[in-house]
Amino acid sequence: MNNTTIEISANSHAALQQLAREEGLSLQALLDKALRLYRRQTFLNNVNKAYATLRQDSVAWEGVREEREAWDTTVEDGLQENKA
């Protein structure tokens, strides 16, 4: 793995060290985890914004609602009830 050096403030470094200790992780593992969580949160925020924009268009939102209803009817299509 290639390494890259970045500069961060002393406060950020201390916070990272404390979090790493609390989580039982190395600084690298903590940063990887934090980045993964941040990217996921950013993705979900963008999805929520896109849905909010879509909801403002009543015709488009009705299309989404109709598509969801169509998919809901197929959820158990052809499946037998599991009687365990």
N, C-alpha and C. Protein backbone atom coordinates (compact mmCIF):
# COMPACT_ATOMS: atom_id res chain seq x y z
N MET A 1 0.85 -1.17 0.00
CA MET A 1 0.00 0.00 0.00
C MET A 1 0.89 1.23 0.00
N ASN A 2 0.51 2.20 -0.80
CA ASN A 2 1.24 3.47 -0.83
C ASN A 2 0.78 4.35 0.32
N ASN A 3 1.70 5.09 0.89
CA ASN A 3 1.38 6.00 1.97
C ASN A 3 1.50 7.42 1.49
N THR A 4 0.67 8.29 2.02
CA THR A 4 0.71 9.71 1.73
C THR A 4 0.70 10.45 3.05
N THR A 5 1.46 11.49 3.13
CA THR A 5 1.52 12.31 4.34
C THR A 5 0.67 13.54 4.13
N ILE A 6 -0.17 13.84 5.13
CA ILE A 6 -0.97 15.05 5.10
C ILE A 6 -0.75 15.81 6.40
N GLU A 7 -0.98 17.10 6.35
CA GLU A 7 -0.87 17.90 7.56
C GLU A 7 -2.25 18.13 8.14
N ILE A 8 -2.37 17.90 9.45
CA ILE A 8 -3.61 18.20 10.16
C ILE A 8 -3.25 18.97 11.42
N SER A 9 -4.23 19.60 11.98
CA SER A 9 -3.97 20.38 13.20
C SER A 9 -3.67 19.44 14.36
N ALA A 10 -3.01 19.99 15.37
CA ALA A 10 -2.71 19.21 16.58
C ALA A 10 -3.99 18.76 17.25
N ASN A 11 -5.02 19.60 17.24
CA ASN A 11 -6.31 19.23 17.85
C ASN A 11 -6.94 18.04 17.12
N SER A 12 -6.90 18.07 15.78
CA SER A 12 -7.46 16.96 15.01
C SER A 12 -6.68 15.68 15.25
N HIS A 13 -5.36 15.79 15.33
CA HIS A 13 -4.53 14.62 15.58
C HIS A 13 -4.84 14.02 16.94
N ALA A 14 -4.97 14.87 17.95
CA ALA A 14 -5.29 14.39 19.30
C ALA A 14 -6.66 13.72 19.31
N ALA A 15 -7.63 14.31 18.62
CA ALA A 15 -8.97 13.73 18.57
C ALA A 15 -8.94 12.37 17.87
N LEU A 16 -8.19 12.28 16.78
CA LEU A 16 -8.06 11.01 16.06
C LEU A 16 -7.41 9.94 16.94
N GLN A 17 -6.37 10.33 17.65
CA GLN A 17 -5.70 9.37 18.54
C GLN A 17 -6.65 8.87 19.62
N GLN A 18 -7.41 9.78 20.21
CA GLN A 18 -8.35 9.38 21.26
C GLN A 18 -9.42 8.44 20.70
N LEU A 19 -10.00 8.80 19.55
CA LEU A 19 -11.01 7.94 18.94
C LEU A 19 -10.45 6.57 18.57
N ALA A 20 -9.23 6.56 18.05
CA ALA A 20 -8.60 5.29 17.68
C ALA A 20 -8.42 4.40 18.91
N ARG A 21 -7.97 5.01 20.01
CA ARG A 21 -7.82 4.24 21.26
C ARG A 21 -9.17 3.68 21.71
N GLU A 22 -10.19 4.54 21.71
CA GLU A 22 -11.52 4.12 22.16
C GLU A 22 -12.10 3.00 21.29
N GLU A 23 -11.82 3.06 20.01
CA GLU A 23 -12.34 2.06 19.07
C GLU A 23 -11.44 0.84 18.96
N GLY A 24 -10.24 0.95 19.50
CA GLY A 24 -9.28 -0.15 19.38
C GLY A 24 -8.78 -0.31 17.95
N LEU A 25 -8.61 0.81 17.26
CA LEU A 25 -8.18 0.80 15.87
C LEU A 25 -6.88 1.58 15.71
N SER A 26 -6.19 1.29 14.64
CA SER A 26 -5.05 2.13 14.29
C SER A 26 -5.58 3.43 13.72
N LEU A 27 -4.72 4.45 13.65
CA LEU A 27 -5.15 5.72 13.05
C LEU A 27 -5.60 5.49 11.61
N GLN A 28 -4.86 4.67 10.86
CA GLN A 28 -5.21 4.39 9.47
C GLN A 28 -6.58 3.74 9.37
N ALA A 29 -6.83 2.75 10.22
CA ALA A 29 -8.12 2.05 10.19
C ALA A 29 -9.25 3.00 10.58
N LEU A 30 -9.00 3.86 11.56
CA LEU A 30 -10.01 4.84 11.97
C LEU A 30 -10.32 5.81 10.85
N LEU A 31 -9.27 6.31 10.18
CA LEU A 31 -9.48 7.23 9.06
C LEU A 31 -10.21 6.55 7.92
N ASP A 32 -9.87 5.30 7.62
CA ASP A 32 -10.58 4.56 6.58
C ASP A 32 -12.06 4.42 6.92
N LYS A 33 -12.34 4.08 8.17
CA LYS A 33 -13.72 3.92 8.62
C LYS A 33 -14.47 5.25 8.56
N ALA A 34 -13.82 6.31 9.02
CA ALA A 34 -14.45 7.63 9.01
C ALA A 34 -14.75 8.08 7.58
N LEU A 35 -13.84 7.83 6.68
CA LEU A 35 -14.05 8.21 5.29
C LEU A 35 -15.20 7.41 4.67
N ARG A 36 -15.23 6.13 4.95
CA ARG A 36 -16.32 5.27 4.46
C ARG A 36 -17.67 5.78 4.96
N LEU A 37 -17.75 6.09 6.25
CA LEU A 37 -18.99 6.60 6.83
C LEU A 37 -19.37 7.96 6.26
N TYR A 38 -18.39 8.81 6.07
CA TYR A 38 -18.64 10.13 5.51
C TYR A 38 -19.16 10.03 4.07
N ARG A 39 -18.54 9.17 3.27
CA ARG A 39 -18.98 8.98 1.89
C ARG A 39 -20.40 8.43 1.86
N ARG A 40 -20.71 7.49 2.74
CA ARG A 40 -22.06 6.92 2.79
C ARG A 40 -23.08 7.99 3.18
N GLN A 41 -22.75 8.79 4.19
CA GLN A 41 -23.64 9.85 4.63
C GLN A 41 -23.86 10.89 3.53
N THR A 42 -22.80 11.24 2.82
CA THR A 42 -22.90 12.18 1.71
C THR A 42 -23.80 11.62 0.62
N PHE A 43 -23.63 10.34 0.30
CA PHE A 43 -24.47 9.69 -0.70
C PHE A 43 -25.94 9.75 -0.29
N LEU A 44 -26.22 9.37 0.95
CA LEU A 44 -27.61 9.37 1.44
C LEU A 44 -28.19 10.78 1.47
N ASN A 45 -27.40 11.76 1.85
CA ASN A 45 -27.88 13.15 1.81
C ASN A 45 -28.24 13.56 0.39
N ASN A 46 -27.42 13.18 -0.57
CA ASN A 46 -27.69 13.51 -1.97
C ASN A 46 -28.94 12.80 -2.47
N VAL A 47 -29.14 11.54 -2.06
CA VAL A 47 -30.36 10.81 -2.43
C VAL A 47 -31.58 11.52 -1.85
N ASN A 48 -31.49 11.93 -0.59
CA ASN A 48 -32.61 12.62 0.04
C ASN A 48 -32.92 13.94 -0.66
N LYS A 49 -31.88 14.67 -1.05
CA LYS A 49 -32.10 15.93 -1.78
C LYS A 49 -32.77 15.66 -3.13
N ALA A 50 -32.33 14.61 -3.81
CA ALA A 50 -32.90 14.27 -5.11
C ALA A 50 -34.38 13.90 -4.96
N TYR A 51 -34.71 13.13 -3.93
CA TYR A 51 -36.11 12.77 -3.69
C TYR A 51 -36.93 14.01 -3.33
N ALA A 52 -36.37 14.91 -2.56
CA ALA A 52 -37.09 16.14 -2.22
C ALA A 52 -37.38 16.95 -3.47
N THR A 53 -36.42 17.02 -4.37
CA THR A 53 -36.63 17.72 -5.64
C THR A 53 -37.70 17.01 -6.47
N LEU A 54 -37.63 15.69 -6.52
CA LEU A 54 -38.60 14.91 -7.27
C LEU A 54 -40.01 15.10 -6.73
N ARG A 55 -40.13 15.17 -5.41
CA ARG A 55 -41.46 15.33 -4.80
C ARG A 55 -42.10 16.66 -5.16
N GLN A 56 -41.30 17.63 -5.52
CA GLN A 56 -41.84 18.93 -5.90
C GLN A 56 -42.52 18.89 -7.27
N ASP A 57 -42.22 17.87 -8.07
CA ASP A 57 -42.85 17.68 -9.37
C ASP A 57 -43.94 16.63 -9.19
N SER A 58 -45.20 17.08 -9.09
CA SER A 58 -46.29 16.16 -8.76
C SER A 58 -46.48 15.06 -9.80
N VAL A 59 -46.25 15.35 -11.07
CA VAL A 59 -46.39 14.34 -12.11
C VAL A 59 -45.30 13.28 -11.97
N ALA A 60 -44.08 13.73 -11.79
CA ALA A 60 -42.96 12.79 -11.63
C ALA A 60 -43.13 11.96 -10.35
N TRP A 61 -43.57 12.60 -9.27
CA TRP A 61 -43.73 11.87 -8.01
C TRP A 61 -44.85 10.84 -8.12
N GLU A 62 -45.90 11.16 -8.85
CA GLU A 62 -46.98 10.19 -9.06
C GLU A 62 -46.44 8.99 -9.83
N GLY A 63 -45.54 9.22 -10.78
CA GLY A 63 -44.91 8.11 -11.50
C GLY A 63 -44.11 7.21 -10.57
N VAL A 64 -43.41 7.82 -9.64
CA VAL A 64 -42.64 7.04 -8.65
C VAL A 64 -43.60 6.22 -7.79
N ARG A 65 -44.66 6.85 -7.34
CA ARG A 65 -45.65 6.15 -6.50
C ARG A 65 -46.27 4.96 -7.25
N GLU A 66 -46.61 5.17 -8.50
CA GLU A 66 -47.19 4.09 -9.30
C GLU A 66 -46.19 2.95 -9.50
N GLU A 67 -44.95 3.29 -9.74
CA GLU A 67 -43.93 2.25 -9.91
C GLU A 67 -43.74 1.46 -8.63
N ARG A 68 -43.74 2.14 -7.49
CA ARG A 68 -43.61 1.44 -6.21
C ARG A 68 -44.78 0.49 -5.99
N GLU A 69 -45.99 0.94 -6.31
CA GLU A 69 -47.16 0.07 -6.15
C GLU A 69 -47.03 -1.16 -7.04
N ALA A 70 -46.55 -0.96 -8.26
CA ALA A 70 -46.37 -2.10 -9.17
C ALA A 70 -45.37 -3.09 -8.59
N TRP A 71 -44.27 -2.59 -8.05
CA TRP A 71 -43.27 -3.48 -7.45
C TRP A 71 -43.81 -4.16 -6.20
N ASP A 72 -44.62 -3.44 -5.42
CA ASP A 72 -45.17 -4.04 -4.20
C ASP A 72 -46.02 -5.26 -4.49
N THR A 73 -46.66 -5.29 -5.64
CA THR A 73 -47.50 -6.45 -5.97
C THR A 73 -46.66 -7.65 -6.35
N THR A 74 -45.39 -7.46 -6.64
CA THR A 74 -44.54 -8.58 -7.04
C THR A 74 -43.68 -9.12 -5.90
N VAL A 75 -43.75 -8.49 -4.75
CA VAL A 75 -42.86 -8.88 -3.64
C VAL A 75 -42.98 -10.36 -3.32
N GLU A 76 -44.18 -10.88 -3.25
CA GLU A 76 -44.36 -12.29 -2.91
C GLU A 76 -44.93 -13.08 -4.09
N ASP A 77 -44.79 -12.57 -5.28
CA ASP A 77 -45.34 -13.20 -6.46
C ASP A 77 -44.80 -14.62 -6.63
N GLY A 78 -45.69 -15.58 -6.53
CA GLY A 78 -45.31 -16.96 -6.75
C GLY A 78 -44.68 -17.66 -5.58
N LEU A 79 -44.55 -17.01 -4.45
CA LEU A 79 -43.91 -17.63 -3.28
C LEU A 79 -44.96 -18.28 -2.40
N GLN A 80 -44.63 -19.44 -1.91
CA GLN A 80 -45.51 -20.13 -0.97
C GLN A 80 -45.26 -19.60 0.43
N GLU A 81 -46.30 -19.57 1.24
CA GLU A 81 -46.12 -19.15 2.63
C GLU A 81 -45.29 -20.20 3.35
N ASN A 82 -44.29 -19.73 4.09
CA ASN A 82 -43.39 -20.62 4.84
C ASN A 82 -44.06 -20.97 6.15
N LYS A 83 -44.44 -22.23 6.31
CA LYS A 83 -45.09 -22.68 7.56
C LYS A 83 -44.11 -23.54 8.33
N ALA A 84 -43.25 -22.88 9.06
CA ALA A 84 -42.23 -23.60 9.82
C ALA A 84 -42.71 -23.98 11.17
